[in-house]
Amino acid sequence: MRRSTISPIPGVSEPRDPTAPRPLDVALKGLCPRCGARTLFAGAVRFSDRCSACGLDISAFNVGDGPAAFLILILGAVIVAAAITLELSLSPPFWVHMLIWIPVTAIAVVGALRISKAALLALEYRNKAREFRSGDTR
């Protein structure tokens, strides 16, 4: 028996598009949340303005600074813990820390920011999220 995808939330009664990619696939592969084409990103972490395959206006979505704020806290804690562990266990010279932690931090931030921004955009699309405006009855 197949479960209904109709939401119990008032005003959200449309079933989800079964052909749309999952938010995880959108995040990991950079897919358009509507059609699944690899058109989400125009750069390392910059979204395209529009999907060239289906015409979805990607610039209309606003993921804000949420992903960046979480990454600063989470990756910062992980990298500082790793640097302290390295220092206490091996006591390498300062230049070794610089050689290791600057590239690791840069690669981790860019990779995680790309994934988290894409996931948030996919969830905004899937849940039809929008900004609240005064006068909305949402």
C-alpha atoms as a PDB file:
ATOM      1  CA  MET A   1       0.000   0.000   0.000  1.00  0.00           C
ATOM      2  CA  ARG A   2       1.410   3.387  -0.984  1.00  0.00           C
ATOM      3  CA  ARG A   3       1.292   6.210   1.540  1.00  0.00           C
ATOM      4  CA  SER A   4      -0.120   9.571   0.603  1.00  0.00           C
ATOM      5  CA  THR A   5       2.297  12.462   0.300  1.00  0.00           C
ATOM      6  CA  ILE A   6      -0.390  15.042   1.033  1.00  0.00           C
ATOM      7  CA  SER A   7       0.640  17.204   3.949  1.00  0.00           C
ATOM      8  CA  PRO A   8      -1.537  17.537   7.068  1.00  0.00           C
ATOM      9  CA  ILE A   9      -0.488  21.199   7.277  1.00  0.00           C
ATOM     10  CA  PRO A  10      -3.275  23.559   6.162  1.00  0.00           C
ATOM     11  CA  GLY A  11      -2.522  25.191   2.832  1.00  0.00           C
ATOM     12  CA  VAL A  12       0.022  22.560   1.796  1.00  0.00           C
ATOM     13  CA  SER A  13      -2.104  19.965   0.072  1.00  0.00           C
ATOM     14  CA  GLU A  14      -0.198  19.337  -3.133  1.00  0.00           C
ATOM     15  CA  PRO A  15       1.588  16.004  -3.464  1.00  0.00           C
ATOM     16  CA  ARG A  16       5.341  16.096  -4.047  1.00  0.00           C
ATOM     17  CA  ASP A  17       6.668  15.646  -7.551  1.00  0.00           C
ATOM     18  CA  PRO A  18       7.842  12.005  -7.758  1.00  0.00           C
ATOM     19  CA  THR A  19      10.372  12.858 -10.513  1.00  0.00           C
ATOM     20  CA  ALA A  20      12.124  15.574  -8.462  1.00  0.00           C
ATOM     21  CA  PRO A  21      15.479  14.511  -7.021  1.00  0.00           C
ATOM     22  CA  ARG A  22      15.879  13.967  -3.284  1.00  0.00           C
ATOM     23  CA  PRO A  23      17.421  16.872  -1.310  1.00  0.00           C
ATOM     24  CA  LEU A  24      20.446  14.673  -0.545  1.00  0.00           C
ATOM     25  CA  ASP A  25      21.061  14.086  -4.258  1.00  0.00           C
ATOM     26  CA  VAL A  26      20.634  17.804  -4.963  1.00  0.00           C
ATOM     27  CA  ALA A  27      23.184  18.616  -2.266  1.00  0.00           C
ATOM     28  CA  LEU A  28      25.813  16.039  -3.166  1.00  0.00           C
ATOM     29  CA  LYS A  29      25.597  16.246  -6.951  1.00  0.00           C
ATOM     30  CA  GLY A  30      24.594  19.892  -7.539  1.00  0.00           C
ATOM     31  CA  LEU A  31      21.320  18.986  -9.237  1.00  0.00           C
ATOM     32  CA  CYS A  32      18.430  21.283 -10.054  1.00  0.00           C
ATOM     33  CA  PRO A  33      15.756  20.620  -7.402  1.00  0.00           C
ATOM     34  CA  ARG A  34      13.003  20.545 -10.066  1.00  0.00           C
ATOM     35  CA  CYS A  35      14.393  18.549 -13.002  1.00  0.00           C
ATOM     36  CA  GLY A  36      17.585  16.922 -11.698  1.00  0.00           C
ATOM     37  CA  ALA A  37      19.975  18.456 -14.266  1.00  0.00           C
ATOM     38  CA  ARG A  38      23.482  19.371 -13.056  1.00  0.00           C
ATOM     39  CA  THR A  39      22.841  23.096 -13.332  1.00  0.00           C
ATOM     40  CA  LEU A  40      22.610  24.292  -9.718  1.00  0.00           C
ATOM     41  CA  PHE A  41      26.065  25.861  -9.404  1.00  0.00           C
ATOM     42  CA  ALA A  42      27.817  28.408 -11.611  1.00  0.00           C
ATOM     43  CA  GLY A  43      30.985  28.376  -9.490  1.00  0.00           C
ATOM     44  CA  ALA A  44      32.467  26.655  -6.461  1.00  0.00           C
ATOM     45  CA  VAL A  45      29.732  27.896  -4.106  1.00  0.00           C
ATOM     46  CA  ARG A  46      27.785  30.344  -6.300  1.00  0.00           C
ATOM     47  CA  PHE A  47      24.348  29.316  -7.533  1.00  0.00           C
ATOM     48  CA  SER A  48      23.324  29.697 -11.174  1.00  0.00           C
ATOM     49  CA  ASP A  49      20.675  32.325 -11.802  1.00  0.00           C
ATOM     50  CA  ARG A  50      18.424  29.900 -13.670  1.00  0.00           C
ATOM     51  CA  CYS A  51      18.382  26.219 -14.576  1.00  0.00           C
ATOM     52  CA  SER A  52      19.237  25.952 -18.262  1.00  0.00           C
ATOM     53  CA  ALA A  53      17.286  22.692 -18.583  1.00  0.00           C
ATOM     54  CA  CYS A  54      13.895  23.537 -17.013  1.00  0.00           C
ATOM     55  CA  GLY A  55      14.071  27.314 -16.441  1.00  0.00           C
ATOM     56  CA  LEU A  56      13.711  27.232 -12.630  1.00  0.00           C
ATOM     57  CA  ASP A  57      14.606  30.674 -11.240  1.00  0.00           C
ATOM     58  CA  ILE A  58      17.271  29.670  -8.719  1.00  0.00           C
ATOM     59  CA  SER A  59      18.028  33.302  -7.881  1.00  0.00           C
ATOM     60  CA  ALA A  60      14.564  33.575  -6.285  1.00  0.00           C
ATOM     61  CA  PHE A  61      15.651  31.274  -3.433  1.00  0.00           C
ATOM     62  CA  ASN A  62      17.337  32.821  -0.406  1.00  0.00           C
ATOM     63  CA  VAL A  63      19.432  30.431   1.645  1.00  0.00           C
ATOM     64  CA  GLY A  64      20.976  33.321   3.595  1.00  0.00           C
ATOM     65  CA  ASP A  65      23.897  32.902   5.971  1.00  0.00           C
ATOM     66  CA  GLY A  66      22.562  29.909   7.890  1.00  0.00           C
ATOM     67  CA  PRO A  67      24.870  27.334   6.286  1.00  0.00           C
ATOM     68  CA  ALA A  68      27.934  29.540   6.748  1.00  0.00           C
ATOM     69  CA  ALA A  69      27.187  30.190  10.425  1.00  0.00           C
ATOM     70  CA  PHE A  70      26.784  26.500  11.196  1.00  0.00           C
ATOM     71  CA  LEU A  71      29.951  25.650   9.287  1.00  0.00           C
ATOM     72  CA  ILE A  72      31.978  28.197  11.228  1.00  0.00           C
ATOM     73  CA  LEU A  73      30.870  26.640  14.492  1.00  0.00           C
ATOM     74  CA  ILE A  74      31.012  22.970  13.522  1.00  0.00           C
ATOM     75  CA  LEU A  75      34.123  22.929  11.329  1.00  0.00           C
ATOM     76  CA  GLY A  76      35.885  25.384  13.617  1.00  0.00           C
ATOM     77  CA  ALA A  77      35.400  23.090  16.593  1.00  0.00           C
ATOM     78  CA  VAL A  78      36.499  19.993  14.676  1.00  0.00           C
ATOM     79  CA  ILE A  79      39.610  21.619  13.195  1.00  0.00           C
ATOM     80  CA  VAL A  80      40.674  23.251  16.463  1.00  0.00           C
ATOM     81  CA  ALA A  81      40.252  19.913  18.271  1.00  0.00           C
ATOM     82  CA  ALA A  82      42.357  18.187  15.608  1.00  0.00           C
ATOM     83  CA  ALA A  83      45.055  20.886  15.773  1.00  0.00           C
ATOM     84  CA  ILE A  84      45.219  20.673  19.574  1.00  0.00           C
ATOM     85  CA  THR A  85      45.410  16.873  19.393  1.00  0.00           C
ATOM     86  CA  LEU A  86      48.275  17.094  16.888  1.00  0.00           C
ATOM     87  CA  GLU A  87      50.085  19.652  19.030  1.00  0.00           C
ATOM     88  CA  LEU A  88      49.761  17.648  22.235  1.00  0.00           C
ATOM     89  CA  SER A  89      50.693  14.320  20.671  1.00  0.00           C
ATOM     90  CA  LEU A  90      53.548  15.272  18.289  1.00  0.00           C
ATOM     91  CA  SER A  91      54.474  18.911  19.077  1.00  0.00           C
ATOM     92  CA  PRO A  92      55.346  19.809  15.478  1.00  0.00           C
ATOM     93  CA  PRO A  93      56.806  23.211  14.559  1.00  0.00           C
ATOM     94  CA  PHE A  94      54.375  26.053  13.888  1.00  0.00           C
ATOM     95  CA  TRP A  95      54.926  25.936  10.119  1.00  0.00           C
ATOM     96  CA  VAL A  96      53.654  22.345  10.047  1.00  0.00           C
ATOM     97  CA  HIS A  97      50.399  23.489  11.613  1.00  0.00           C
ATOM     98  CA  MET A  98      50.112  26.214   8.975  1.00  0.00           C
ATOM     99  CA  LEU A  99      50.915  23.755   6.192  1.00  0.00           C
ATOM    100  CA  ILE A 100      48.231  21.333   7.387  1.00  0.00           C
ATOM    101  CA  TRP A 101      45.373  23.405   8.796  1.00  0.00           C
ATOM    102  CA  ILE A 102      45.070  26.263   6.300  1.00  0.00           C
ATOM    103  CA  PRO A 103      44.412  24.008   3.265  1.00  0.00           C
ATOM    104  CA  VAL A 104      42.303  21.548   5.290  1.00  0.00           C
ATOM    105  CA  THR A 105      40.134  24.390   6.573  1.00  0.00           C
ATOM    106  CA  ALA A 106      39.736  25.977   3.138  1.00  0.00           C
ATOM    107  CA  ILE A 107      38.821  22.704   1.428  1.00  0.00           C
ATOM    108  CA  ALA A 108      36.442  21.671   4.224  1.00  0.00           C
ATOM    109  CA  VAL A 109      34.646  25.030   4.239  1.00  0.00           C
ATOM    110  CA  VAL A 110      34.188  25.221   0.467  1.00  0.00           C
ATOM    111  CA  GLY A 111      33.055  21.588   0.216  1.00  0.00           C
ATOM    112  CA  ALA A 112      30.702  21.734   3.172  1.00  0.00           C
ATOM    113  CA  LEU A 113      29.332  25.154   2.207  1.00  0.00           C
ATOM    114  CA  ARG A 114      28.483  23.892  -1.268  1.00  0.00           C
ATOM    115  CA  ILE A 115      26.670  20.856   0.145  1.00  0.00           C
ATOM    116  CA  SER A 116      24.822  22.728   2.895  1.00  0.00           C
ATOM    117  CA  LYS A 117      23.689  25.586   0.625  1.00  0.00           C
ATOM    118  CA  ALA A 118      22.401  23.116  -1.970  1.00  0.00           C
ATOM    119  CA  ALA A 119      20.585  21.070   0.677  1.00  0.00           C
ATOM    120  CA  LEU A 120      18.904  24.151   2.113  1.00  0.00           C
ATOM    121  CA  LEU A 121      17.863  25.339  -1.352  1.00  0.00           C
ATOM    122  CA  ALA A 122      16.460  21.878  -2.153  1.00  0.00           C
ATOM    123  CA  LEU A 123      14.440  21.870   1.059  1.00  0.00           C
ATOM    124  CA  GLU A 124      13.152  25.383   0.350  1.00  0.00           C
ATOM    125  CA  TYR A 125      12.015  24.241  -3.097  1.00  0.00           C
ATOM    126  CA  ARG A 126      10.512  20.988  -1.831  1.00  0.00           C
ATOM    127  CA  ASN A 127       8.585  22.643   1.013  1.00  0.00           C
ATOM    128  CA  LYS A 128       7.659  25.741  -1.020  1.00  0.00           C
ATOM    129  CA  ALA A 129       9.286  27.953   1.608  1.00  0.00           C
ATOM    130  CA  ARG A 130       9.199  31.700   1.128  1.00  0.00           C
ATOM    131  CA  GLU A 131       9.887  34.821   3.130  1.00  0.00           C
ATOM    132  CA  PHE A 132       7.096  36.158   5.316  1.00  0.00           C
ATOM    133  CA  ARG A 133       5.611  39.477   4.252  1.00  0.00           C
ATOM    134  CA  SER A 134       3.244  41.549   6.358  1.00  0.00           C
ATOM    135  CA  GLY A 135      -0.293  40.751   5.360  1.00  0.00           C
ATOM    136  CA  ASP A 136       0.486  37.077   4.628  1.00  0.00           C
ATOM    137  CA  THR A 137      -2.020  34.659   6.084  1.00  0.00           C
ATOM    138  CA  ARG A 138       0.328  31.730   5.964  1.00  0.00           C
END
